[in-house]
ModelCIF file with pLDDT and N, C-alpha, C, O atoms, coordinates in Angstrom:
data_MODEL
#
_entry.id   MODEL 
#
_entity.id                         1 
_entity.type                       polymer 
_entity.pdbx_number_of_molecules   1 
#
_entity_poly.entity_id                      1 
_entity_poly.type                           'polypeptide(L)' 
_entity_poly.nstd_linkage                   no 
_entity_poly.nstd_monomer                   no 
_entity_poly.pdbx_seq_one_letter_code       MNIKEGSIPTALGAVVTTAGLISRQKAKKSLAWGVVGF 
_entity_poly.pdbx_seq_one_letter_code_can   MNIKEGSIPTALGAVVTTAGLISRQKAKKSLAWGVVGF 
_entity_poly.pdbx_strand_id                 A 
#
loop_
_entity_poly_seq.entity_id 
_entity_poly_seq.num 
_entity_poly_seq.mon_id 
_entity_poly_seq.hetero 
1 1  MET n 
1 2  ASN n 
1 3  ILE n 
1 4  LYS n 
1 5  GLU n 
1 6  GLY n 
1 7  SER n 
1 8  ILE n 
1 9  PRO n 
1 10 THR n 
1 11 ALA n 
1 12 LEU n 
1 13 GLY n 
1 14 ALA n 
1 15 VAL n 
1 16 VAL n 
1 17 THR n 
1 18 THR n 
1 19 ALA n 
1 20 GLY n 
1 21 LEU n 
1 22 ILE n 
1 23 SER n 
1 24 ARG n 
1 25 GLN n 
1 26 LYS n 
1 27 ALA n 
1 28 LYS n 
1 29 LYS n 
1 30 SER n 
1 31 LEU n 
1 32 ALA n 
1 33 TRP n 
1 34 GLY n 
1 35 VAL n 
1 36 VAL n 
1 37 GLY n 
1 38 PHE n 
#
_struct_asym.id          A 
_struct_asym.entity_id   1 
#
loop_
_ma_qa_metric.id 
_ma_qa_metric.mode 
_ma_qa_metric.name 
_ma_qa_metric.software_group_id 
_ma_qa_metric.type 
1 global pLDDT . pLDDT 
2 local  pLDDT . pLDDT 
#
_ma_qa_metric_global.metric_id      1 
_ma_qa_metric_global.metric_value   90.03 
_ma_qa_metric_global.model_id       1 
_ma_qa_metric_global.ordinal_id     1 
#
loop_
_ma_qa_metric_local.label_asym_id 
_ma_qa_metric_local.label_comp_id 
_ma_qa_metric_local.label_seq_id 
_ma_qa_metric_local.metric_id 
_ma_qa_metric_local.metric_value 
_ma_qa_metric_local.model_id 
_ma_qa_metric_local.ordinal_id 
A MET 1  2 63.00 1 1  
A ASN 2  2 75.00 1 2  
A ILE 3  2 77.00 1 3  
A LYS 4  2 81.00 1 4  
A GLU 5  2 84.00 1 5  
A GLY 6  2 86.00 1 6  
A SER 7  2 89.00 1 7  
A ILE 8  2 91.00 1 8  
A PRO 9  2 93.00 1 9  
A THR 10 2 94.00 1 10 
A ALA 11 2 94.00 1 11 
A LEU 12 2 95.00 1 12 
A GLY 13 2 96.00 1 13 
A ALA 14 2 96.00 1 14 
A VAL 15 2 96.00 1 15 
A VAL 16 2 96.00 1 16 
A THR 17 2 96.00 1 17 
A THR 18 2 95.00 1 18 
A ALA 19 2 94.00 1 19 
A GLY 20 2 93.00 1 20 
A LEU 21 2 93.00 1 21 
A ILE 22 2 92.00 1 22 
A SER 23 2 92.00 1 23 
A ARG 24 2 88.00 1 24 
A GLN 25 2 86.00 1 25 
A LYS 26 2 86.00 1 26 
A ALA 27 2 83.00 1 27 
A LYS 28 2 89.00 1 28 
A LYS 29 2 86.00 1 29 
A SER 30 2 89.00 1 30 
A LEU 31 2 92.00 1 31 
A ALA 32 2 92.00 1 32 
A TRP 33 2 94.00 1 33 
A GLY 34 2 94.00 1 34 
A VAL 35 2 94.00 1 35 
A VAL 36 2 95.00 1 36 
A GLY 37 2 96.00 1 37 
A PHE 38 2 96.00 1 38 
#
loop_
_atom_site.group_PDB 
_atom_site.id 
_atom_site.type_symbol 
_atom_site.label_atom_id 
_atom_site.label_alt_id 
_atom_site.label_comp_id 
_atom_site.label_asym_id 
_atom_site.label_entity_id 
_atom_site.label_seq_id 
_atom_site.pdbx_PDB_ins_code 
_atom_site.Cartn_x 
_atom_site.Cartn_y 
_atom_site.Cartn_z 
_atom_site.occupancy 
_atom_site.B_iso_or_equiv 
_atom_site.pdbx_formal_charge 
_atom_site.auth_seq_id 
_atom_site.auth_comp_id 
_atom_site.auth_asym_id 
_atom_site.auth_atom_id 
_atom_site.pdbx_PDB_model_num 
ATOM 1   N N  . MET A 1 1  ? -37.597 58.493 56.836 1.00 63.00 ? 1  MET A N  1 
ATOM 2   C CA . MET A 1 1  ? -36.331 58.470 57.554 1.00 63.00 ? 1  MET A CA 1 
ATOM 3   C C  . MET A 1 1  ? -36.698 58.274 58.983 1.00 63.00 ? 1  MET A C  1 
ATOM 4   O O  . MET A 1 1  ? -37.497 59.034 59.531 1.00 63.00 ? 1  MET A O  1 
ATOM 5   N N  . ASN A 1 2  ? -36.138 57.276 59.604 1.00 75.00 ? 2  ASN A N  1 
ATOM 6   C CA . ASN A 1 2  ? -36.328 57.037 60.990 1.00 75.00 ? 2  ASN A CA 1 
ATOM 7   C C  . ASN A 1 2  ? -35.170 57.321 61.884 1.00 75.00 ? 2  ASN A C  1 
ATOM 8   O O  . ASN A 1 2  ? -34.163 56.614 61.837 1.00 75.00 ? 2  ASN A O  1 
ATOM 9   N N  . ILE A 1 3  ? -35.287 58.411 62.759 1.00 77.00 ? 3  ILE A N  1 
ATOM 10  C CA . ILE A 1 3  ? -34.248 58.796 63.605 1.00 77.00 ? 3  ILE A CA 1 
ATOM 11  C C  . ILE A 1 3  ? -34.659 58.409 65.013 1.00 77.00 ? 3  ILE A C  1 
ATOM 12  O O  . ILE A 1 3  ? -35.749 58.781 65.449 1.00 77.00 ? 3  ILE A O  1 
ATOM 13  N N  . LYS A 1 4  ? -33.866 57.711 65.705 1.00 81.00 ? 4  LYS A N  1 
ATOM 14  C CA . LYS A 1 4  ? -34.194 57.309 67.115 1.00 81.00 ? 4  LYS A CA 1 
ATOM 15  C C  . LYS A 1 4  ? -34.097 58.486 67.984 1.00 81.00 ? 4  LYS A C  1 
ATOM 16  O O  . LYS A 1 4  ? -33.259 59.376 67.845 1.00 81.00 ? 4  LYS A O  1 
ATOM 17  N N  . GLU A 1 5  ? -35.070 58.435 68.955 1.00 84.00 ? 5  GLU A N  1 
ATOM 18  C CA . GLU A 1 5  ? -35.095 59.508 70.034 1.00 84.00 ? 5  GLU A CA 1 
ATOM 19  C C  . GLU A 1 5  ? -33.767 59.519 70.805 1.00 84.00 ? 5  GLU A C  1 
ATOM 20  O O  . GLU A 1 5  ? -33.221 58.485 71.189 1.00 84.00 ? 5  GLU A O  1 
ATOM 21  N N  . GLY A 1 6  ? -33.317 60.668 70.992 1.00 86.00 ? 6  GLY A N  1 
ATOM 22  C CA . GLY A 1 6  ? -32.025 60.773 71.784 1.00 86.00 ? 6  GLY A CA 1 
ATOM 23  C C  . GLY A 1 6  ? -30.817 61.000 70.865 1.00 86.00 ? 6  GLY A C  1 
ATOM 24  O O  . GLY A 1 6  ? -29.767 61.435 71.338 1.00 86.00 ? 6  GLY A O  1 
ATOM 25  N N  . SER A 1 7  ? -30.946 60.710 69.546 1.00 89.00 ? 7  SER A N  1 
ATOM 26  C CA . SER A 1 7  ? -29.737 60.689 68.661 1.00 89.00 ? 7  SER A CA 1 
ATOM 27  C C  . SER A 1 7  ? -29.399 62.233 68.409 1.00 89.00 ? 7  SER A C  1 
ATOM 28  O O  . SER A 1 7  ? -28.226 62.604 68.428 1.00 89.00 ? 7  SER A O  1 
ATOM 29  N N  . ILE A 1 8  ? -30.369 63.057 68.192 1.00 91.00 ? 8  ILE A N  1 
ATOM 30  C CA . ILE A 1 8  ? -30.167 64.488 67.887 1.00 91.00 ? 8  ILE A CA 1 
ATOM 31  C C  . ILE A 1 8  ? -29.504 65.141 69.055 1.00 91.00 ? 8  ILE A C  1 
ATOM 32  O O  . ILE A 1 8  ? -28.403 65.668 68.891 1.00 91.00 ? 8  ILE A O  1 
ATOM 33  N N  . PRO A 1 9  ? -30.112 65.148 70.267 1.00 93.00 ? 9  PRO A N  1 
ATOM 34  C CA . PRO A 1 9  ? -29.432 65.747 71.461 1.00 93.00 ? 9  PRO A CA 1 
ATOM 35  C C  . PRO A 1 9  ? -27.976 65.243 71.697 1.00 93.00 ? 9  PRO A C  1 
ATOM 36  O O  . PRO A 1 9  ? -27.064 65.988 72.056 1.00 93.00 ? 9  PRO A O  1 
ATOM 37  N N  . THR A 1 10 ? -27.844 63.927 71.463 1.00 94.00 ? 10 THR A N  1 
ATOM 38  C CA . THR A 1 10 ? -26.430 63.344 71.679 1.00 94.00 ? 10 THR A CA 1 
ATOM 39  C C  . THR A 1 10 ? -25.423 63.913 70.671 1.00 94.00 ? 10 THR A C  1 
ATOM 40  O O  . THR A 1 10 ? -24.307 64.286 71.034 1.00 94.00 ? 10 THR A O  1 
ATOM 41  N N  . ALA A 1 11 ? -25.833 63.971 69.417 1.00 94.00 ? 11 ALA A N  1 
ATOM 42  C CA . ALA A 1 11 ? -24.980 64.537 68.395 1.00 94.00 ? 11 ALA A CA 1 
ATOM 43  C C  . ALA A 1 11 ? -24.717 66.026 68.594 1.00 94.00 ? 11 ALA A C  1 
ATOM 44  O O  . ALA A 1 11 ? -23.601 66.510 68.405 1.00 94.00 ? 11 ALA A O  1 
ATOM 45  N N  . LEU A 1 12 ? -25.780 66.740 68.981 1.00 95.00 ? 12 LEU A N  1 
ATOM 46  C CA . LEU A 1 12 ? -25.640 68.144 69.289 1.00 95.00 ? 12 LEU A CA 1 
ATOM 47  C C  . LEU A 1 12 ? -24.706 68.376 70.470 1.00 95.00 ? 12 LEU A C  1 
ATOM 48  O O  . LEU A 1 12 ? -23.878 69.287 70.464 1.00 95.00 ? 12 LEU A O  1 
ATOM 49  N N  . GLY A 1 13 ? -24.859 67.536 71.473 1.00 96.00 ? 13 GLY A N  1 
ATOM 50  C CA . GLY A 1 13 ? -23.918 67.633 72.651 1.00 96.00 ? 13 GLY A CA 1 
ATOM 51  C C  . GLY A 1 13 ? -22.469 67.325 72.271 1.00 96.00 ? 13 GLY A C  1 
ATOM 52  O O  . GLY A 1 13 ? -21.546 67.897 72.850 1.00 96.00 ? 13 GLY A O  1 
ATOM 53  N N  . ALA A 1 14 ? -22.269 66.465 71.346 1.00 96.00 ? 14 ALA A N  1 
ATOM 54  C CA . ALA A 1 14 ? -20.838 66.118 70.915 1.00 96.00 ? 14 ALA A CA 1 
ATOM 55  C C  . ALA A 1 14 ? -20.325 67.316 70.264 1.00 96.00 ? 14 ALA A C  1 
ATOM 56  O O  . ALA A 1 14 ? -19.195 67.715 70.545 1.00 96.00 ? 14 ALA A O  1 
ATOM 57  N N  . VAL A 1 15 ? -21.116 67.973 69.351 1.00 96.00 ? 15 VAL A N  1 
ATOM 58  C CA . VAL A 1 15 ? -20.614 69.169 68.658 1.00 96.00 ? 15 VAL A CA 1 
ATOM 59  C C  . VAL A 1 15 ? -20.378 70.377 69.616 1.00 96.00 ? 15 VAL A C  1 
ATOM 60  O O  . VAL A 1 15 ? -19.417 71.131 69.456 1.00 96.00 ? 15 VAL A O  1 
ATOM 61  N N  . VAL A 1 16 ? -21.225 70.523 70.546 1.00 96.00 ? 16 VAL A N  1 
ATOM 62  C CA . VAL A 1 16 ? -21.049 71.697 71.504 1.00 96.00 ? 16 VAL A CA 1 
ATOM 63  C C  . VAL A 1 16 ? -19.878 71.422 72.473 1.00 96.00 ? 16 VAL A C  1 
ATOM 64  O O  . VAL A 1 16 ? -19.154 72.330 72.881 1.00 96.00 ? 16 VAL A O  1 
ATOM 65  N N  . THR A 1 17 ? -19.722 70.100 72.828 1.00 96.00 ? 17 THR A N  1 
ATOM 66  C CA . THR A 1 17 ? -18.531 69.814 73.749 1.00 96.00 ? 17 THR A CA 1 
ATOM 67  C C  . THR A 1 17 ? -17.248 70.026 72.981 1.00 96.00 ? 17 THR A C  1 
ATOM 68  O O  . THR A 1 17 ? -16.295 70.569 73.540 1.00 96.00 ? 17 THR A O  1 
ATOM 69  N N  . THR A 1 18 ? -17.181 69.629 71.751 1.00 95.00 ? 18 THR A N  1 
ATOM 70  C CA . THR A 1 18 ? -16.015 69.854 70.917 1.00 95.00 ? 18 THR A CA 1 
ATOM 71  C C  . THR A 1 18 ? -15.725 71.282 70.758 1.00 95.00 ? 18 THR A C  1 
ATOM 72  O O  . THR A 1 18 ? -14.575 71.703 70.874 1.00 95.00 ? 18 THR A O  1 
ATOM 73  N N  . ALA A 1 19 ? -16.757 72.070 70.487 1.00 94.00 ? 19 ALA A N  1 
ATOM 74  C CA . ALA A 1 19 ? -16.627 73.490 70.333 1.00 94.00 ? 19 ALA A CA 1 
ATOM 75  C C  . ALA A 1 19 ? -16.080 74.176 71.585 1.00 94.00 ? 19 ALA A C  1 
ATOM 76  O O  . ALA A 1 19 ? -15.227 75.061 71.519 1.00 94.00 ? 19 ALA A O  1 
ATOM 77  N N  . GLY A 1 20 ? -16.604 73.734 72.721 1.00 93.00 ? 20 GLY A N  1 
ATOM 78  C CA . GLY A 1 20 ? -16.160 74.293 74.000 1.00 93.00 ? 20 GLY A CA 1 
ATOM 79  C C  . GLY A 1 20 ? -14.655 73.957 74.267 1.00 93.00 ? 20 GLY A C  1 
ATOM 80  O O  . GLY A 1 20 ? -13.903 74.763 74.814 1.00 93.00 ? 20 GLY A O  1 
ATOM 81  N N  . LEU A 1 21 ? -14.267 72.721 73.848 1.00 93.00 ? 21 LEU A N  1 
ATOM 82  C CA . LEU A 1 21 ? -12.899 72.306 74.161 1.00 93.00 ? 21 LEU A CA 1 
ATOM 83  C C  . LEU A 1 21 ? -11.933 73.127 73.162 1.00 93.00 ? 21 LEU A C  1 
ATOM 84  O O  . LEU A 1 21 ? -10.815 73.513 73.503 1.00 93.00 ? 21 LEU A O  1 
ATOM 85  N N  . ILE A 1 22 ? -12.456 73.333 71.975 1.00 92.00 ? 22 ILE A N  1 
ATOM 86  C CA . ILE A 1 22 ? -11.541 74.063 71.073 1.00 92.00 ? 22 ILE A CA 1 
ATOM 87  C C  . ILE A 1 22 ? -11.396 75.559 71.517 1.00 92.00 ? 22 ILE A C  1 
ATOM 88  O O  . ILE A 1 22 ? -10.322 76.149 71.402 1.00 92.00 ? 22 ILE A O  1 
ATOM 89  N N  . SER A 1 23 ? -12.530 76.153 72.034 1.00 92.00 ? 23 SER A N  1 
ATOM 90  C CA . SER A 1 23 ? -12.561 77.585 72.422 1.00 92.00 ? 23 SER A CA 1 
ATOM 91  C C  . SER A 1 23 ? -11.796 77.818 73.740 1.00 92.00 ? 23 SER A C  1 
ATOM 92  O O  . SER A 1 23 ? -11.643 78.972 74.138 1.00 92.00 ? 23 SER A O  1 
ATOM 93  N N  . ARG A 1 24 ? -11.342 76.842 74.386 1.00 88.00 ? 24 ARG A N  1 
ATOM 94  C CA . ARG A 1 24 ? -10.633 77.015 75.727 1.00 88.00 ? 24 ARG A CA 1 
ATOM 95  C C  . ARG A 1 24 ? -9.450  77.998 75.541 1.00 88.00 ? 24 ARG A C  1 
ATOM 96  O O  . ARG A 1 24 ? -9.167  78.799 76.432 1.00 88.00 ? 24 ARG A O  1 
ATOM 97  N N  . GLN A 1 25 ? -8.802  77.935 74.444 1.00 86.00 ? 25 GLN A N  1 
ATOM 98  C CA . GLN A 1 25 ? -7.628  78.770 74.293 1.00 86.00 ? 25 GLN A CA 1 
ATOM 99  C C  . GLN A 1 25 ? -7.869  80.177 73.959 1.00 86.00 ? 25 GLN A C  1 
ATOM 100 O O  . GLN A 1 25 ? -7.065  81.051 74.281 1.00 86.00 ? 25 GLN A O  1 
ATOM 101 N N  . LYS A 1 26 ? -9.088  80.450 73.245 1.00 86.00 ? 26 LYS A N  1 
ATOM 102 C CA . LYS A 1 26 ? -9.355  81.772 72.768 1.00 86.00 ? 26 LYS A CA 1 
ATOM 103 C C  . LYS A 1 26 ? -10.329 82.532 73.662 1.00 86.00 ? 26 LYS A C  1 
ATOM 104 O O  . LYS A 1 26 ? -10.240 83.759 73.704 1.00 86.00 ? 26 LYS A O  1 
ATOM 105 N N  . ALA A 1 27 ? -11.216 81.919 74.351 1.00 83.00 ? 27 ALA A N  1 
ATOM 106 C CA . ALA A 1 27 ? -12.276 82.553 75.092 1.00 83.00 ? 27 ALA A CA 1 
ATOM 107 C C  . ALA A 1 27 ? -11.965 82.470 76.571 1.00 83.00 ? 27 ALA A C  1 
ATOM 108 O O  . ALA A 1 27 ? -10.993 81.819 76.953 1.00 83.00 ? 27 ALA A O  1 
ATOM 109 N N  . LYS A 1 28 ? -12.782 83.125 77.440 1.00 89.00 ? 28 LYS A N  1 
ATOM 110 C CA . LYS A 1 28 ? -12.610 82.994 78.840 1.00 89.00 ? 28 LYS A CA 1 
ATOM 111 C C  . LYS A 1 28 ? -12.652 81.445 79.299 1.00 89.00 ? 28 LYS A C  1 
ATOM 112 O O  . LYS A 1 28 ? -13.470 80.687 78.776 1.00 89.00 ? 28 LYS A O  1 
ATOM 113 N N  . LYS A 1 29 ? -11.857 81.046 80.173 1.00 86.00 ? 29 LYS A N  1 
ATOM 114 C CA . LYS A 1 29 ? -11.850 79.672 80.543 1.00 86.00 ? 29 LYS A CA 1 
ATOM 115 C C  . LYS A 1 29 ? -13.167 79.236 81.231 1.00 86.00 ? 29 LYS A C  1 
ATOM 116 O O  . LYS A 1 29 ? -13.631 78.114 81.028 1.00 86.00 ? 29 LYS A O  1 
ATOM 117 N N  . SER A 1 30 ? -13.742 80.103 82.019 1.00 89.00 ? 30 SER A N  1 
ATOM 118 C CA . SER A 1 30 ? -14.999 79.785 82.702 1.00 89.00 ? 30 SER A CA 1 
ATOM 119 C C  . SER A 1 30 ? -16.166 79.618 81.729 1.00 89.00 ? 30 SER A C  1 
ATOM 120 O O  . SER A 1 30 ? -17.030 78.759 81.905 1.00 89.00 ? 30 SER A O  1 
ATOM 121 N N  . LEU A 1 31 ? -16.163 80.479 80.683 1.00 92.00 ? 31 LEU A N  1 
ATOM 122 C CA . LEU A 1 31 ? -17.192 80.323 79.620 1.00 92.00 ? 31 LEU A CA 1 
ATOM 123 C C  . LEU A 1 31 ? -16.947 79.078 78.812 1.00 92.00 ? 31 LEU A C  1 
ATOM 124 O O  . LEU A 1 31 ? -17.904 78.360 78.519 1.00 92.00 ? 31 LEU A O  1 
ATOM 125 N N  . ALA A 1 32 ? -15.761 78.787 78.444 1.00 92.00 ? 32 ALA A N  1 
ATOM 126 C CA . ALA A 1 32 ? -15.493 77.597 77.617 1.00 92.00 ? 32 ALA A CA 1 
ATOM 127 C C  . ALA A 1 32 ? -15.886 76.316 78.437 1.00 92.00 ? 32 ALA A C  1 
ATOM 128 O O  . ALA A 1 32 ? -16.475 75.390 77.879 1.00 92.00 ? 32 ALA A O  1 
ATOM 129 N N  . TRP A 1 33 ? -15.568 76.275 79.710 1.00 94.00 ? 33 TRP A N  1 
ATOM 130 C CA . TRP A 1 33 ? -15.928 75.088 80.473 1.00 94.00 ? 33 TRP A CA 1 
ATOM 131 C C  . TRP A 1 33 ? -17.419 74.985 80.693 1.00 94.00 ? 33 TRP A C  1 
ATOM 132 O O  . TRP A 1 33 ? -17.956 73.884 80.814 1.00 94.00 ? 33 TRP A O  1 
ATOM 133 N N  . GLY A 1 34 ? -18.096 76.127 80.747 1.00 94.00 ? 34 GLY A N  1 
ATOM 134 C CA . GLY A 1 34 ? -19.557 76.124 80.817 1.00 94.00 ? 34 GLY A CA 1 
ATOM 135 C C  . GLY A 1 34 ? -20.206 75.528 79.533 1.00 94.00 ? 34 GLY A C  1 
ATOM 136 O O  . GLY A 1 34 ? -21.164 74.761 79.631 1.00 94.00 ? 34 GLY A O  1 
ATOM 137 N N  . VAL A 1 35 ? -19.694 75.875 78.363 1.00 94.00 ? 35 VAL A N  1 
ATOM 138 C CA . VAL A 1 35 ? -20.057 75.286 77.118 1.00 94.00 ? 35 VAL A CA 1 
ATOM 139 C C  . VAL A 1 35 ? -19.848 73.796 77.103 1.00 94.00 ? 35 VAL A C  1 
ATOM 140 O O  . VAL A 1 35 ? -20.708 73.034 76.660 1.00 94.00 ? 35 VAL A O  1 
ATOM 141 N N  . VAL A 1 36 ? -18.689 73.386 77.595 1.00 95.00 ? 36 VAL A N  1 
ATOM 142 C CA . VAL A 1 36 ? -18.322 71.951 77.651 1.00 95.00 ? 36 VAL A CA 1 
ATOM 143 C C  . VAL A 1 36 ? -19.319 71.283 78.564 1.00 95.00 ? 36 VAL A C  1 
ATOM 144 O O  . VAL A 1 36 ? -19.823 70.221 78.199 1.00 95.00 ? 36 VAL A O  1 
ATOM 145 N N  . GLY A 1 37 ? -19.625 71.793 79.661 1.00 96.00 ? 37 GLY A N  1 
ATOM 146 C CA . GLY A 1 37 ? -20.586 71.217 80.587 1.00 96.00 ? 37 GLY A CA 1 
ATOM 147 C C  . GLY A 1 37 ? -21.987 71.123 79.971 1.00 96.00 ? 37 GLY A C  1 
ATOM 148 O O  . GLY A 1 37 ? -22.712 70.146 80.158 1.00 96.00 ? 37 GLY A O  1 
ATOM 149 N N  . PHE A 1 38 ? -22.316 72.131 79.265 1.00 96.00 ? 38 PHE A N  1 
ATOM 150 C CA . PHE A 1 38 ? -23.646 72.128 78.598 1.00 96.00 ? 38 PHE A CA 1 
ATOM 151 C C  . PHE A 1 38 ? -23.697 71.011 77.487 1.00 96.00 ? 38 PHE A C  1 
ATOM 152 O O  . PHE A 1 38 ? -24.719 70.850 76.820 1.00 96.00 ? 38 PHE A O  1 
#
């Protein structure tokens, strides 16, 4: 299986960004925006 370099961090970033955007309503806003930035 051939996975291009950069694909895994990009996919991980998409998942983390989505999780941060979803958690904006339940968690502290500054923490949620920190997760989105990460």
